[in-house]
N, C-alpha and C. Protein backbone atom coordinates (compact mmCIF):
# COMPACT_ATOMS: atom_id res chain seq x y z
N MET A 1 12.37 23.16 32.90
CA MET A 1 12.84 23.14 31.66
C MET A 1 14.39 23.32 31.31
N LYS A 2 14.86 24.88 31.54
CA LYS A 2 16.34 25.64 31.38
C LYS A 2 16.92 24.13 32.05
N ILE A 3 16.88 23.62 33.29
CA ILE A 3 17.55 22.96 33.88
C ILE A 3 17.76 21.21 33.10
N ARG A 4 16.49 20.98 32.95
CA ARG A 4 16.44 19.81 32.08
C ARG A 4 17.42 19.92 30.91
N LEU A 5 16.83 20.80 30.06
CA LEU A 5 17.82 21.02 28.92
C LEU A 5 19.19 20.87 28.99
N THR A 6 19.98 21.93 29.62
CA THR A 6 21.19 21.87 30.21
C THR A 6 21.85 20.54 30.86
N PHE A 7 20.94 20.12 31.39
CA PHE A 7 21.22 18.69 32.00
C PHE A 7 21.29 17.25 30.54
N ILE A 8 20.78 17.33 29.68
CA ILE A 8 20.31 16.51 28.56
C ILE A 8 21.73 17.15 27.90
N LEU A 9 22.17 18.88 27.41
CA LEU A 9 23.14 18.63 26.97
C LEU A 9 24.54 18.95 27.47
N PHE A 10 24.33 18.62 28.79
CA PHE A 10 25.97 18.34 29.41
C PHE A 10 26.02 16.56 29.19
N GLN A 11 24.87 15.50 29.30
CA GLN A 11 25.02 14.32 29.26
C GLN A 11 25.90 14.26 27.80
N VAL A 12 25.20 14.88 25.99
CA VAL A 12 25.67 15.02 25.23
C VAL A 12 26.21 15.47 25.20
N LEU A 13 27.51 16.44 25.56
CA LEU A 13 29.02 16.48 26.32
C LEU A 13 29.62 15.66 26.73
N LEU A 14 28.99 15.16 27.49
CA LEU A 14 29.89 14.36 28.43
C LEU A 14 30.30 12.93 27.83
N ALA A 15 29.44 12.45 26.88
CA ALA A 15 29.44 11.32 25.67
C ALA A 15 30.26 11.40 24.78
N THR A 16 30.36 12.64 24.37
CA THR A 16 31.73 12.60 23.10
C THR A 16 33.02 12.42 23.26
N THR A 17 33.98 12.63 22.49
CA THR A 17 35.40 12.40 22.73
C THR A 17 36.25 13.02 22.17
N VAL A 18 37.26 13.35 22.27
CA VAL A 18 38.51 13.85 21.97
C VAL A 18 38.26 14.04 20.31
N ILE A 19 38.01 15.10 19.33
CA ILE A 19 37.94 14.80 18.41
C ILE A 19 39.45 15.23 17.99
N THR A 20 40.57 14.39 16.42
CA THR A 20 41.35 15.48 16.34
C THR A 20 40.83 15.02 14.90
N ALA A 21 41.87 15.96 14.06
CA ALA A 21 41.50 15.89 12.28
C ALA A 21 42.01 14.94 11.48
N GLN A 22 41.30 15.62 10.60
CA GLN A 22 41.50 14.43 9.17
C GLN A 22 43.09 14.67 8.35
N SER A 23 43.78 14.33 8.79
CA SER A 23 45.11 14.18 8.09
C SER A 23 45.19 13.47 6.54
N THR A 24 46.40 13.83 6.07
CA THR A 24 46.95 13.87 4.55
C THR A 24 48.55 13.02 4.70
N MET A 25 48.66 12.08 5.03
CA MET A 25 50.40 11.51 4.39
C MET A 25 50.89 11.99 3.16
N THR A 26 51.41 12.94 2.84
CA THR A 26 52.30 13.53 1.32
C THR A 26 53.03 12.75 1.18
N PHE A 27 54.05 12.15 2.04
CA PHE A 27 55.78 11.71 1.82
C PHE A 27 56.43 12.81 0.90
N ASP A 28 56.33 13.97 1.21
CA ASP A 28 57.40 15.26 0.29
C ASP A 28 59.12 15.10 0.85
N SER A 29 58.77 14.58 2.11
CA SER A 29 60.49 14.17 2.77
C SER A 29 60.42 12.75 3.31
N GLY A 30 59.83 11.76 2.31
CA GLY A 30 59.83 10.44 3.08
C GLY A 30 59.60 9.65 3.13
N PRO A 31 58.83 8.39 3.47
CA PRO A 31 58.04 7.27 4.32
C PRO A 31 58.18 7.62 5.80
N ASN A 32 57.70 8.96 5.91
CA ASN A 32 57.45 9.47 7.84
C ASN A 32 55.72 10.03 7.61
N GLU A 33 55.27 9.63 9.00
CA GLU A 33 54.35 10.61 9.49
C GLU A 33 54.85 9.99 11.64
N PRO A 34 54.30 11.55 11.26
CA PRO A 34 54.46 11.35 13.63
C PRO A 34 53.54 10.14 13.87
N GLY A 35 53.93 9.20 14.28
CA GLY A 35 52.93 8.33 15.19
C GLY A 35 52.69 7.24 14.30
N PHE A 36 53.46 6.97 13.53
CA PHE A 36 52.85 5.90 12.47
C PHE A 36 55.03 5.11 11.91
N SER A 37 54.93 4.29 12.06
CA SER A 37 56.37 3.05 11.23
C SER A 37 56.22 2.74 9.82
N PHE A 38 56.87 3.15 9.51
CA PHE A 38 57.17 2.37 7.69
C PHE A 38 58.05 1.15 7.66
N THR A 39 57.69 0.17 6.91
CA THR A 39 58.41 -0.50 6.75
C THR A 39 58.89 -0.87 4.92
N ASN A 40 59.55 -1.16 4.73
CA ASN A 40 59.66 -1.58 3.36
C ASN A 40 59.53 -0.69 2.22
N TRP A 41 59.46 1.09 2.45
CA TRP A 41 59.33 2.48 1.54
C TRP A 41 60.61 3.09 1.52
N LYS A 42 60.85 3.57 0.10
CA LYS A 42 61.67 4.24 -0.57
C LYS A 42 61.21 5.71 -0.59
N ALA A 43 62.12 6.62 -0.38
CA ALA A 43 61.51 7.73 -1.36
C ALA A 43 61.99 8.33 -2.45
N GLY A 44 61.49 9.30 -3.02
CA GLY A 44 61.38 9.84 -4.30
C GLY A 44 60.53 10.71 -4.95
N ALA A 45 60.77 11.74 -5.35
CA ALA A 45 60.45 12.64 -6.05
C ALA A 45 58.81 13.17 -5.23
N GLY A 46 58.80 13.08 -3.78
CA GLY A 46 57.63 13.29 -2.94
C GLY A 46 57.00 12.48 -2.98
N VAL A 47 56.94 10.89 -3.27
CA VAL A 47 56.16 9.79 -3.35
C VAL A 47 57.05 8.83 -2.50
N ILE A 48 56.45 8.04 -2.27
CA ILE A 48 57.09 6.76 -1.72
C ILE A 48 56.91 5.88 -2.64
N PHE A 49 57.32 4.49 -3.04
CA PHE A 49 57.87 3.53 -3.00
C PHE A 49 57.80 1.79 -2.70
N GLN A 50 57.48 0.75 -2.81
CA GLN A 50 57.97 -0.31 -2.34
C GLN A 50 59.37 -0.86 -2.55
N LYS A 51 60.10 -0.25 -1.72
CA LYS A 51 61.63 -0.36 -1.77
C LYS A 51 61.95 -1.72 -2.74
N ASN A 52 61.42 -3.43 -1.69
CA ASN A 52 61.51 -4.25 -2.30
C ASN A 52 60.52 -5.45 -2.66
N LEU A 53 59.83 -4.61 -4.53
CA LEU A 53 58.50 -5.81 -4.36
C LEU A 53 57.86 -6.77 -4.09
N PRO A 54 59.06 -7.84 -3.60
CA PRO A 54 58.16 -8.93 -2.98
C PRO A 54 58.27 -9.50 -1.72
N ASP A 55 58.77 -8.13 -1.21
CA ASP A 55 58.50 -8.52 0.26
C ASP A 55 57.42 -7.79 0.79
N LEU A 56 56.37 -7.37 1.59
CA LEU A 56 55.59 -7.24 2.42
C LEU A 56 56.33 -5.39 3.03
N SER A 57 55.30 -4.47 2.44
CA SER A 57 55.42 -3.21 3.29
C SER A 57 54.14 -2.59 3.65
N THR A 58 54.24 -1.95 5.03
CA THR A 58 53.51 -2.12 5.78
C THR A 58 53.95 -0.01 6.33
N ILE A 59 52.22 -0.08 6.37
CA ILE A 59 52.06 1.52 7.17
C ILE A 59 51.56 0.90 9.09
N SER A 60 52.03 1.09 10.15
CA SER A 60 51.56 1.12 11.14
C SER A 60 51.27 2.27 12.07
N LYS A 61 50.17 2.22 12.59
CA LYS A 61 50.25 3.05 13.96
C LYS A 61 51.49 2.51 15.04
N ASP A 62 51.99 3.46 15.72
CA ASP A 62 52.89 3.27 16.58
C ASP A 62 51.63 2.86 18.25
N ALA A 63 50.99 3.13 18.19
CA ALA A 63 49.81 3.16 19.29
C ALA A 63 48.59 3.83 18.69
N GLY A 64 47.47 3.17 19.37
CA GLY A 64 46.08 3.54 18.87
C GLY A 64 45.99 2.81 17.71
N THR A 65 44.74 3.20 16.99
CA THR A 65 43.99 2.69 15.77
C THR A 65 44.11 3.70 14.82
N TRP A 66 43.27 3.79 13.41
CA TRP A 66 43.47 4.91 12.72
C TRP A 66 42.35 4.80 11.68
N ASN A 67 41.56 5.10 11.30
CA ASN A 67 40.52 4.86 10.28
C ASN A 67 41.77 5.25 8.60
N LEU A 68 41.71 4.40 7.61
CA LEU A 68 42.24 4.81 6.45
C LEU A 68 41.17 4.86 5.60
N ILE A 69 41.30 6.38 4.91
CA ILE A 69 39.60 6.35 4.49
C ILE A 69 40.69 6.68 2.62
N SER A 70 41.43 6.96 2.31
CA SER A 70 42.06 6.62 1.20
C SER A 70 43.47 6.62 0.14
N PHE A 71 44.08 6.25 -0.95
CA PHE A 71 45.40 6.58 -1.14
C PHE A 71 45.44 6.24 -2.09
N ARG A 72 47.01 7.47 -2.71
CA ARG A 72 46.52 8.03 -4.59
C ARG A 72 47.75 6.72 -5.15
N THR A 73 47.55 6.41 -5.98
CA THR A 73 48.66 5.35 -7.18
C THR A 73 49.04 6.21 -8.10
N LYS A 74 50.09 5.98 -8.87
CA LYS A 74 50.33 6.72 -10.67
C LYS A 74 51.77 5.50 -10.88
N PRO A 75 51.18 5.38 -12.23
CA PRO A 75 52.17 3.87 -12.48
C PRO A 75 53.25 4.35 -13.09
N PHE A 76 53.94 3.47 -12.76
CA PHE A 76 55.37 4.11 -12.67
C PHE A 76 56.00 2.44 -13.76
N GLY A 77 55.58 1.04 -13.14
CA GLY A 77 55.99 -0.39 -13.90
C GLY A 77 55.31 -0.47 -14.89
N ASN A 78 55.46 -1.72 -14.63
CA ASN A 78 54.94 -2.99 -15.32
C ASN A 78 53.62 -3.13 -14.66
N SER A 79 52.05 -3.60 -15.45
CA SER A 79 50.94 -3.72 -15.35
C SER A 79 50.62 -5.19 -14.04
N GLY A 80 50.06 -5.35 -13.15
CA GLY A 80 50.01 -5.82 -12.54
C GLY A 80 49.13 -6.08 -10.84
N ASN A 81 48.68 -7.00 -10.42
CA ASN A 81 48.07 -6.45 -9.43
C ASN A 81 48.30 -6.45 -7.83
N PHE A 82 48.01 -5.94 -6.97
CA PHE A 82 48.57 -6.23 -5.66
C PHE A 82 47.26 -6.14 -4.32
N GLU A 83 47.94 -6.21 -3.10
CA GLU A 83 46.51 -6.48 -2.28
C GLU A 83 47.64 -5.70 -1.24
N ALA A 84 45.91 -4.29 -0.66
CA ALA A 84 46.45 -4.04 0.27
C ALA A 84 45.17 -4.80 1.20
N THR A 85 45.52 -5.16 2.44
CA THR A 85 44.74 -5.96 3.54
C THR A 85 45.36 -4.85 4.67
N SER A 86 44.22 -4.99 6.17
CA SER A 86 44.47 -4.67 7.50
C SER A 86 45.10 -5.54 8.30
N ASP A 87 45.50 -5.12 9.47
CA ASP A 87 44.91 -6.55 10.76
C ASP A 87 43.53 -6.59 10.85
N LEU A 88 42.41 -6.20 10.27
CA LEU A 88 41.36 -6.32 10.78
C LEU A 88 40.70 -7.39 9.41
N SER A 89 41.46 -7.97 8.98
CA SER A 89 40.97 -8.77 7.39
C SER A 89 40.72 -8.12 6.50
N HIS A 90 40.60 -6.67 6.55
CA HIS A 90 40.15 -6.30 4.91
C HIS A 90 40.75 -6.34 3.96
N SER A 91 40.31 -6.69 3.15
CA SER A 91 41.05 -6.91 1.60
C SER A 91 40.68 -6.34 0.28
N TYR A 92 41.66 -5.83 -0.26
CA TYR A 92 41.02 -4.55 -2.11
C TYR A 92 42.18 -4.70 -2.06
N ILE A 93 41.98 -5.35 -3.68
CA ILE A 93 42.73 -5.42 -5.19
C ILE A 93 43.04 -4.24 -5.66
N PHE A 94 44.28 -3.91 -6.21
CA PHE A 94 44.41 -3.10 -6.91
C PHE A 94 45.44 -3.06 -7.96
N ASN A 95 45.44 -2.62 -8.82
CA ASN A 95 46.45 -2.53 -10.37
C ASN A 95 46.84 -1.00 -10.75
N PRO A 96 47.91 -0.66 -10.08
CA PRO A 96 48.81 1.24 -10.26
C PRO A 96 48.85 1.66 -11.47
N ASN A 97 49.60 0.30 -12.02
CA ASN A 97 49.84 0.79 -13.77
C ASN A 97 48.82 0.66 -14.74
N THR A 98 47.77 0.30 -14.27
CA THR A 98 47.04 0.93 -15.49
C THR A 98 46.06 2.10 -15.93
N GLY A 99 46.10 2.93 -16.14
CA GLY A 99 44.75 4.31 -16.45
C GLY A 99 44.89 5.38 -16.01
N GLY A 100 46.69 5.70 -15.11
CA GLY A 100 46.96 7.21 -15.06
C GLY A 100 46.94 7.08 -13.42
N GLN A 101 46.52 8.47 -13.12
CA GLN A 101 46.65 8.05 -10.98
C GLN A 101 45.57 7.65 -10.82
N GLN A 102 45.40 7.40 -9.63
CA GLN A 102 43.95 6.35 -9.47
C GLN A 102 43.94 7.45 -7.94
N THR A 103 42.82 6.66 -7.04
CA THR A 103 42.68 7.07 -5.95
C THR A 103 41.64 5.93 -5.35
N HIS A 104 42.27 5.67 -4.42
CA HIS A 104 42.08 4.30 -4.13
C HIS A 104 41.55 4.45 -2.79
N THR A 105 39.85 4.37 -2.52
CA THR A 105 38.69 4.76 -1.50
C THR A 105 38.48 3.38 -0.60
N LEU A 106 39.45 3.41 0.47
CA LEU A 106 38.79 2.07 0.77
C LEU A 106 37.83 2.00 2.96
N ASN A 107 37.78 3.40 2.94
CA ASN A 107 36.98 3.72 4.49
C ASN A 107 36.81 2.47 5.15
N TRP A 108 38.23 1.81 6.01
CA TRP A 108 38.75 0.90 6.47
C TRP A 108 38.71 1.91 8.23
N ALA A 109 38.00 0.84 8.96
CA ALA A 109 38.37 1.66 10.42
C ALA A 109 38.73 0.89 10.78
N GLY A 110 39.37 1.56 12.36
CA GLY A 110 39.72 1.10 13.19
C GLY A 110 41.07 0.23 13.18
N ILE A 111 41.66 0.88 12.25
CA ILE A 111 43.51 -0.78 11.86
C ILE A 111 44.11 -0.17 12.91
N THR A 112 45.29 -0.80 13.17
CA THR A 112 46.58 -0.30 13.02
C THR A 112 47.08 -0.71 11.98
N THR A 113 47.57 -1.54 11.04
CA THR A 113 48.25 -1.67 9.75
C THR A 113 47.81 -2.08 8.72
N LEU A 114 48.32 -1.23 7.55
CA LEU A 114 48.03 -1.32 6.18
C LEU A 114 48.93 -2.21 5.80
N THR A 115 49.38 -3.04 5.43
CA THR A 115 49.91 -4.34 4.28
C THR A 115 49.87 -4.04 2.93
N ILE A 116 50.76 -3.78 1.84
CA ILE A 116 50.61 -4.04 1.19
C ILE A 116 51.54 -5.27 0.09
N THR A 117 51.37 -5.49 -0.83
CA THR A 117 51.82 -6.82 -1.19
C THR A 117 51.67 -7.02 -2.71
N ARG A 118 52.45 -7.72 -3.09
CA ARG A 118 52.84 -7.66 -4.94
C ARG A 118 52.23 -8.72 -5.37
N ILE A 119 51.18 -9.19 -5.68
CA ILE A 119 50.51 -10.71 -6.15
C ILE A 119 50.88 -11.16 -7.37
N ASN A 120 51.14 -9.95 -8.07
CA ASN A 120 51.78 -10.59 -9.82
C ASN A 120 53.19 -10.48 -9.38
N PRO A 121 54.43 -11.76 -9.71
CA PRO A 121 55.91 -11.30 -9.87
C PRO A 121 56.21 -10.63 -10.33
N SER A 122 55.29 -9.92 -12.17
CA SER A 122 55.53 -9.43 -13.06
C SER A 122 55.45 -7.65 -12.67
N ALA A 123 54.80 -7.96 -11.59
CA ALA A 123 54.01 -6.29 -11.60
C ALA A 123 54.92 -5.30 -11.21
N GLY A 124 55.35 -4.21 -11.39
CA GLY A 124 56.54 -3.00 -11.40
C GLY A 124 55.66 -2.05 -10.58
N SER A 125 56.90 -1.30 -9.85
CA SER A 125 56.52 -0.49 -8.88
C SER A 125 55.96 0.61 -9.72
N TYR A 126 55.54 1.44 -8.52
CA TYR A 126 54.37 2.36 -8.53
C TYR A 126 54.45 3.76 -7.59
N ASP A 127 54.05 4.85 -7.85
CA ASP A 127 54.13 5.93 -7.10
C ASP A 127 52.89 5.65 -5.88
N PHE A 128 53.24 5.89 -4.65
CA PHE A 128 52.30 5.57 -3.60
C PHE A 128 52.21 6.89 -2.71
N ASP A 129 51.22 8.08 -2.44
CA ASP A 129 50.75 8.97 -2.17
C ASP A 129 49.85 9.25 -1.41
N ASP A 130 49.62 10.20 -0.59
CA ASP A 130 48.09 11.39 -0.76
C ASP A 130 47.20 10.06 0.75
N VAL A 131 47.97 9.41 1.55
CA VAL A 131 46.97 8.75 2.77
C VAL A 131 46.42 9.18 3.17
N VAL A 132 45.26 9.63 2.83
CA VAL A 132 44.09 9.85 3.65
C VAL A 132 43.47 9.46 4.67
N TYR A 133 43.69 9.43 6.32
CA TYR A 133 42.88 9.47 8.00
C TYR A 133 43.04 9.53 8.96
N CYS A 134 42.10 9.35 9.40
CA CYS A 134 41.72 9.71 10.92
C CYS A 134 42.38 9.32 11.98
N ASN A 135 43.44 9.81 12.98
CA ASN A 135 42.92 9.53 13.93
C ASN A 135 42.04 8.84 15.63
N LEU A 136 42.16 7.90 15.62
CA LEU A 136 40.69 7.60 16.65
C LEU A 136 41.12 8.23 18.01
N PRO A 137 40.57 8.50 18.99
CA PRO A 137 38.87 8.14 18.53
C PRO A 137 38.23 9.84 17.87
N PHE A 138 36.70 9.75 17.31
CA PHE A 138 36.54 10.69 16.77
C PHE A 138 34.97 10.47 16.85
N ILE A 139 33.76 11.79 17.10
CA ILE A 139 32.36 11.42 17.29
C ILE A 139 31.89 10.99 16.15
N THR A 140 31.53 10.08 16.43
CA THR A 140 29.88 9.33 15.14
C THR A 140 28.88 8.62 15.60
N THR A 141 27.58 8.20 15.22
CA THR A 141 26.74 7.55 15.95
C THR A 141 27.04 5.88 15.64
N ASP A 142 27.58 6.00 14.69
CA ASP A 142 28.50 4.42 14.24
C ASP A 142 30.36 4.06 14.21
N PRO A 143 30.46 3.89 15.28
CA PRO A 143 32.00 3.77 15.00
C PRO A 143 32.44 2.69 14.60
N THR A 144 31.70 2.18 13.47
CA THR A 144 32.48 1.09 12.26
C THR A 144 32.69 1.55 10.94
N ASP A 145 31.67 3.14 11.10
CA ASP A 145 31.13 4.08 9.49
C ASP A 145 32.64 4.83 9.51
N ALA A 146 34.01 3.93 8.41
CA ALA A 146 34.84 5.27 8.51
C ALA A 146 35.34 6.43 7.39
N THR A 147 33.55 6.47 7.13
CA THR A 147 33.55 7.66 6.19
C THR A 147 33.09 8.85 7.15
N LYS A 148 33.47 8.98 8.47
CA LYS A 148 33.14 10.05 9.13
C LYS A 148 34.65 9.99 9.42
N CYS A 149 34.85 11.70 9.42
CA CYS A 149 36.20 11.69 9.83
C CYS A 149 36.08 13.05 11.08
N PRO A 150 36.95 12.97 11.65
CA PRO A 150 37.33 14.68 13.06
C PRO A 150 37.08 15.32 12.08
N GLY A 151 36.62 16.48 12.43
CA GLY A 151 36.43 17.40 11.37
C GLY A 151 35.05 17.77 10.86
N ASP A 152 34.08 16.81 10.54
CA ASP A 152 33.34 16.29 9.51
C ASP A 152 31.79 17.08 10.69
N ALA A 153 31.26 17.63 9.58
CA ALA A 153 29.77 17.93 10.64
C ALA A 153 29.04 16.86 11.20
N VAL A 154 29.30 17.37 12.29
CA VAL A 154 28.33 16.13 13.54
C VAL A 154 26.82 16.99 14.48
N THR A 155 25.79 16.76 14.04
CA THR A 155 24.68 16.97 14.14
C THR A 155 23.87 16.43 15.30
N PHE A 156 23.78 16.47 16.66
CA PHE A 156 23.01 16.36 17.65
C PHE A 156 21.74 16.70 18.08
N THR A 157 20.43 16.03 17.74
CA THR A 157 19.04 16.43 18.23
C THR A 157 18.83 16.39 19.40
N VAL A 158 18.40 17.48 19.99
CA VAL A 158 18.34 17.49 21.56
C VAL A 158 16.39 17.67 21.75
N ALA A 159 15.87 16.73 22.20
CA ALA A 159 14.61 17.73 22.10
C ALA A 159 13.98 17.62 23.70
N ALA A 160 13.60 18.49 24.25
CA ALA A 160 13.34 18.71 25.00
C ALA A 160 12.22 18.31 25.53
N THR A 161 11.34 17.44 26.75
CA THR A 161 10.22 16.73 27.22
C THR A 161 10.03 17.46 28.17
N GLY A 162 8.32 17.23 28.67
CA GLY A 162 7.62 17.41 29.79
C GLY A 162 7.24 19.38 29.25
N SER A 163 7.10 20.02 31.22
CA SER A 163 6.26 20.96 30.55
C SER A 163 7.15 22.03 31.93
N ASN A 164 6.20 23.20 31.59
CA ASN A 164 7.37 24.47 32.48
C ASN A 164 6.62 23.81 33.83
């Protein structure tokens, strides 16, 4: 019984991957985060914003993939819609210049690039901050579930079978 339980536990541990921690990009020192590249972003007052609104703004992982959990926006300019997309064809429309500070929860799993596009030509700039993300790999029973991040509690059920 002890040998079988030890073997099952070894198999569970062998099947797991390296855990990394959930992180938040805060942009206190501008558009930078280790392991990521930023295009068309400008820094100001501890946040970033799109440098040239008609152009695409991107945040890309330099190697591997990541889970985008959420980001925060705060009004700064005229109301209007923007679109967030990923390289996996996710799409999310948001209007950052209405209703005060907003947290946009996406839970996109396994992406390499986030792209922000202005939809309405009259839409003004906005503050962009607090991107919550996870570097992959991470432990989960469903690899497409972006709501689980490294550091979350993971429960394994080990059942012993047989007799002494």
